[in-house]
Amino acid sequence: MVGLGNPGPEYAATRHNLGFRVVDGLAGGQAPGWRRERSYLWAELPATGRTAAAILLKPLTYMNLSGQAVRAALARWRVPLGRLLVVQDDMDLPPGRLRLRRGGRPAGHHGVESVIEALGTPDFARLRIGIGHPPAGEDAVAYVLGAPEGEERELLERAVEQAAAVVRLLLESDLETAMNEANRKDGSGGMRPD
């Protein structure tokens, strides 16, 4: 389970670090459970009675080089591509909307582009958390590296919690079951209107 983001406290609360926040939540926060390798931090999410064990990963390479860390970690633990999940922010989804699926284009997300390039394929599962498009006239980079405020911050906090719940569901069931749950949530704790 790879959370995409940028290392360092100056990025912690940004829209671009939602992936880090999901895996932090799964690991019980930024506690000593995180161990450092050369290009990433990792923590083990132990198996429980109903869920499989997982390795949680936070690349230290900065977003645009995330693929280097992901490739190194997959090689270290001999994880097959079918067992990889990348958690990311997504401007093409409304704020708080979740979308889980396998494959697809990176849609301009440089972290995902890097992972696809490093692995040589887009055929891995992605849990996308919507952040919406920047307001008219605002630069996209400034937007993703900005911190949400007020209602938007609360909406994204709920989405991070829901995303962690989807990951847990994936660990106790399968991708299709987790997709059905993730893809019907609207990020506000309720169902997405049709």
Protein backbone atom coordinates (compact mmCIF):
# COMPACT_ATOMS: atom_id res chain seq x y z
CA MET A 1 0.00 0.00 0.00
CA VAL A 2 1.81 3.09 -1.25
CA GLY A 3 0.69 6.52 -0.16
CA LEU A 4 1.92 9.19 -2.55
CA GLY A 5 3.12 12.48 -1.13
CA ASN A 6 6.14 14.64 -0.42
CA PRO A 7 8.33 14.22 2.68
CA GLY A 8 8.79 17.06 5.14
CA PRO A 9 6.57 19.01 7.53
CA GLU A 10 6.02 21.82 5.01
CA TYR A 11 4.02 19.40 2.84
CA ALA A 12 2.19 17.42 5.52
CA ALA A 13 -1.13 19.29 5.36
CA THR A 14 -1.22 19.81 1.59
CA ARG A 15 -3.73 18.37 -0.86
CA HIS A 16 -0.89 16.49 -2.58
CA ASN A 17 -0.15 14.52 0.61
CA LEU A 18 -3.48 12.76 1.05
CA GLY A 19 -1.83 9.44 0.16
CA PHE A 20 0.68 9.88 2.99
CA ARG A 21 -2.15 10.72 5.38
CA VAL A 22 -4.06 7.55 4.53
CA VAL A 23 -1.10 5.25 5.18
CA ASP A 24 -0.20 7.26 8.31
CA GLY A 25 -3.70 6.59 9.59
CA LEU A 26 -3.40 2.89 8.82
CA ALA A 27 -0.04 2.76 10.62
CA GLY A 28 -1.47 4.48 13.68
CA GLY A 29 -0.02 7.91 12.94
CA GLN A 30 3.59 8.95 12.51
CA ALA A 31 4.70 6.83 15.43
CA PRO A 32 7.90 4.83 15.69
CA GLY A 33 6.34 2.04 13.61
CA TRP A 34 7.85 3.66 10.49
CA ARG A 35 11.26 2.34 9.45
CA ARG A 36 13.56 4.01 6.96
CA GLU A 37 15.09 2.52 3.87
CA ARG A 38 17.13 4.48 1.40
CA SER A 39 14.24 5.83 -0.69
CA TYR A 40 11.16 5.23 1.47
CA LEU A 41 9.64 4.81 4.91
CA TRP A 42 7.77 1.59 5.55
CA ALA A 43 5.60 0.09 8.26
CA GLU A 44 3.99 -3.28 8.62
CA LEU A 45 0.26 -3.57 9.02
CA PRO A 46 -0.07 -6.95 10.74
CA ALA A 47 -2.74 -9.45 9.83
CA THR A 48 -5.77 -9.65 12.08
CA GLY A 49 -8.43 -12.31 12.29
CA ARG A 50 -10.10 -10.99 9.13
CA THR A 51 -7.47 -8.96 7.28
CA ALA A 52 -4.28 -9.86 5.45
CA ALA A 53 -0.96 -8.31 6.43
CA ALA A 54 0.38 -5.44 4.33
CA ILE A 55 3.45 -3.29 3.92
CA LEU A 56 2.71 0.45 4.03
CA LEU A 57 5.04 2.70 2.09
CA LYS A 58 5.80 6.43 1.93
CA PRO A 59 8.34 7.35 -0.78
CA LEU A 60 11.04 9.81 0.30
CA THR A 61 11.93 10.64 -3.31
CA TYR A 62 9.40 13.49 -3.63
CA MET A 63 6.35 13.03 -5.78
CA ASN A 64 7.92 13.17 -9.24
CA LEU A 65 10.30 10.27 -8.50
CA SER A 66 7.91 8.06 -6.51
CA GLY A 67 8.37 5.20 -8.94
CA GLN A 68 11.96 4.64 -7.84
CA ALA A 69 10.86 3.93 -4.28
CA VAL A 70 7.92 1.77 -5.35
CA ARG A 71 10.10 -0.35 -7.66
CA ALA A 72 12.71 -0.83 -4.91
CA ALA A 73 10.09 -1.87 -2.36
CA LEU A 74 8.34 -4.31 -4.73
CA ALA A 75 11.70 -5.93 -5.44
CA ARG A 76 12.65 -6.13 -1.77
CA TRP A 77 9.44 -7.88 -0.70
CA ARG A 78 8.84 -9.66 -4.02
CA VAL A 79 5.36 -8.22 -4.21
CA PRO A 80 3.49 -9.11 -7.41
CA LEU A 81 1.97 -6.19 -9.30
CA GLY A 82 -1.52 -7.52 -8.60
CA ARG A 83 -0.96 -6.86 -4.88
CA LEU A 84 0.08 -3.20 -5.25
CA LEU A 85 -2.26 -0.37 -4.27
CA VAL A 86 -1.30 3.27 -4.79
CA VAL A 87 -3.24 5.93 -2.85
CA GLN A 88 -3.19 9.37 -4.47
CA ASP A 89 -4.89 12.76 -4.69
CA ASP A 90 -6.79 13.49 -7.91
CA MET A 91 -7.82 16.87 -9.36
CA ASP A 92 -10.24 15.24 -11.79
CA LEU A 93 -12.54 14.10 -8.97
CA PRO A 94 -14.65 16.45 -6.85
CA PRO A 95 -13.24 17.11 -3.37
CA GLY A 96 -13.76 14.09 -1.13
CA ARG A 97 -14.90 11.68 -3.85
CA LEU A 98 -13.16 8.29 -3.80
CA ARG A 99 -12.49 6.13 -6.83
CA LEU A 100 -10.79 2.71 -6.75
CA ARG A 101 -9.81 0.86 -9.90
CA ARG A 102 -7.01 -1.02 -11.58
CA GLY A 103 -5.03 0.58 -14.39
CA GLY A 104 -5.75 3.74 -16.30
CA ARG A 105 -3.83 6.82 -17.30
CA PRO A 106 -2.00 9.06 -14.83
CA ALA A 107 -4.17 12.07 -15.83
CA GLY A 108 -1.30 14.49 -15.25
CA HIS A 109 -0.39 13.16 -11.77
CA HIS A 110 3.41 13.13 -11.81
CA GLY A 111 3.70 10.65 -8.96
CA VAL A 112 1.55 8.13 -10.80
CA GLU A 113 3.43 8.85 -14.03
CA SER A 114 6.66 8.02 -12.22
CA VAL A 115 5.27 4.74 -10.85
CA ILE A 116 3.99 3.70 -14.29
CA GLU A 117 7.34 4.55 -15.87
CA ALA A 118 9.32 2.68 -13.19
CA LEU A 119 7.13 -0.43 -13.37
CA GLY A 120 6.66 -0.36 -17.13
CA THR A 121 2.89 -0.75 -16.84
CA PRO A 122 -0.21 1.07 -15.55
CA ASP A 123 -1.74 -2.25 -14.44
CA PHE A 124 -1.92 -1.73 -10.68
CA ALA A 125 -4.73 -0.69 -8.36
CA ARG A 126 -5.19 2.98 -7.46
CA LEU A 127 -7.32 4.58 -4.79
CA ARG A 128 -7.89 8.17 -5.87
CA ILE A 129 -9.09 10.88 -3.47
CA GLY A 130 -10.67 13.86 -5.18
CA ILE A 131 -9.36 17.35 -4.49
CA GLY A 132 -11.14 19.14 -7.37
CA HIS A 133 -9.65 21.66 -9.76
CA PRO A 134 -8.02 24.90 -8.63
CA PRO A 135 -10.10 28.06 -8.75
CA ALA A 136 -9.87 30.06 -11.98
CA GLY A 137 -6.54 31.81 -12.24
CA GLU A 138 -4.78 29.66 -9.60
CA ASP A 139 -1.77 27.64 -10.67
CA ALA A 140 -2.28 23.85 -10.43
CA VAL A 141 1.06 23.30 -8.65
CA ALA A 142 0.28 25.98 -6.06
CA TYR A 143 -3.15 24.41 -5.59
CA VAL A 144 -1.98 20.85 -4.94
CA LEU A 145 0.81 22.11 -2.68
CA GLY A 146 -1.64 24.29 -0.77
CA ALA A 147 -3.41 23.28 2.42
CA PRO A 148 -7.21 23.08 2.33
CA GLU A 149 -9.12 25.15 4.88
CA GLY A 150 -12.52 25.21 6.52
CA GLU A 151 -15.19 22.97 5.03
CA GLU A 152 -12.84 21.62 2.36
CA ARG A 153 -10.35 20.51 5.03
CA GLU A 154 -13.12 18.72 6.95
CA LEU A 155 -14.37 17.07 3.76
CA LEU A 156 -10.89 15.80 2.89
CA GLU A 157 -10.30 14.58 6.45
CA ARG A 158 -13.45 12.45 6.16
CA ALA A 159 -12.28 11.23 2.75
CA VAL A 160 -8.92 10.17 4.25
CA GLU A 161 -10.78 8.18 6.94
CA GLN A 162 -13.03 6.60 4.32
CA ALA A 163 -10.02 5.76 2.15
CA ALA A 164 -8.38 3.98 5.10
CA ALA A 165 -11.61 2.03 5.63
CA VAL A 166 -11.59 1.03 1.94
CA VAL A 167 -8.00 -0.21 2.29
CA ARG A 168 -9.00 -2.30 5.32
CA LEU A 169 -11.93 -3.71 3.36
CA LEU A 170 -9.58 -4.58 0.50
CA LEU A 171 -7.35 -6.46 2.95
CA GLU A 172 -10.27 -8.52 4.24
CA SER A 173 -12.03 -9.14 0.93
CA ASP A 174 -11.02 -8.46 -2.68
CA LEU A 175 -10.57 -5.60 -5.13
CA GLU A 176 -14.09 -5.85 -6.56
CA THR A 177 -15.76 -5.64 -3.14
CA ALA A 178 -13.56 -2.69 -2.14
CA MET A 179 -14.25 -0.99 -5.49
CA ASN A 180 -18.01 -1.28 -4.96
CA GLU A 181 -17.67 0.42 -1.58
CA ALA A 182 -15.16 3.10 -2.58
CA ASN A 183 -16.82 4.10 -5.81
CA ARG A 184 -20.20 4.79 -4.21
CA LYS A 185 -18.93 7.07 -1.43
CA ASP A 186 -19.18 10.84 -1.90
CA GLY A 187 -16.57 11.79 0.72
CA SER A 188 -19.12 13.26 3.13
CA GLY A 189 -19.88 9.99 4.86
CA GLY A 190 -22.88 9.32 2.68
CA MET A 191 -23.64 7.84 -0.68
CA ARG A 192 -22.79 9.57 -3.91
CA PRO A 193 -25.88 10.94 -5.61
CA ASP A 194 -26.62 9.30 -8.98
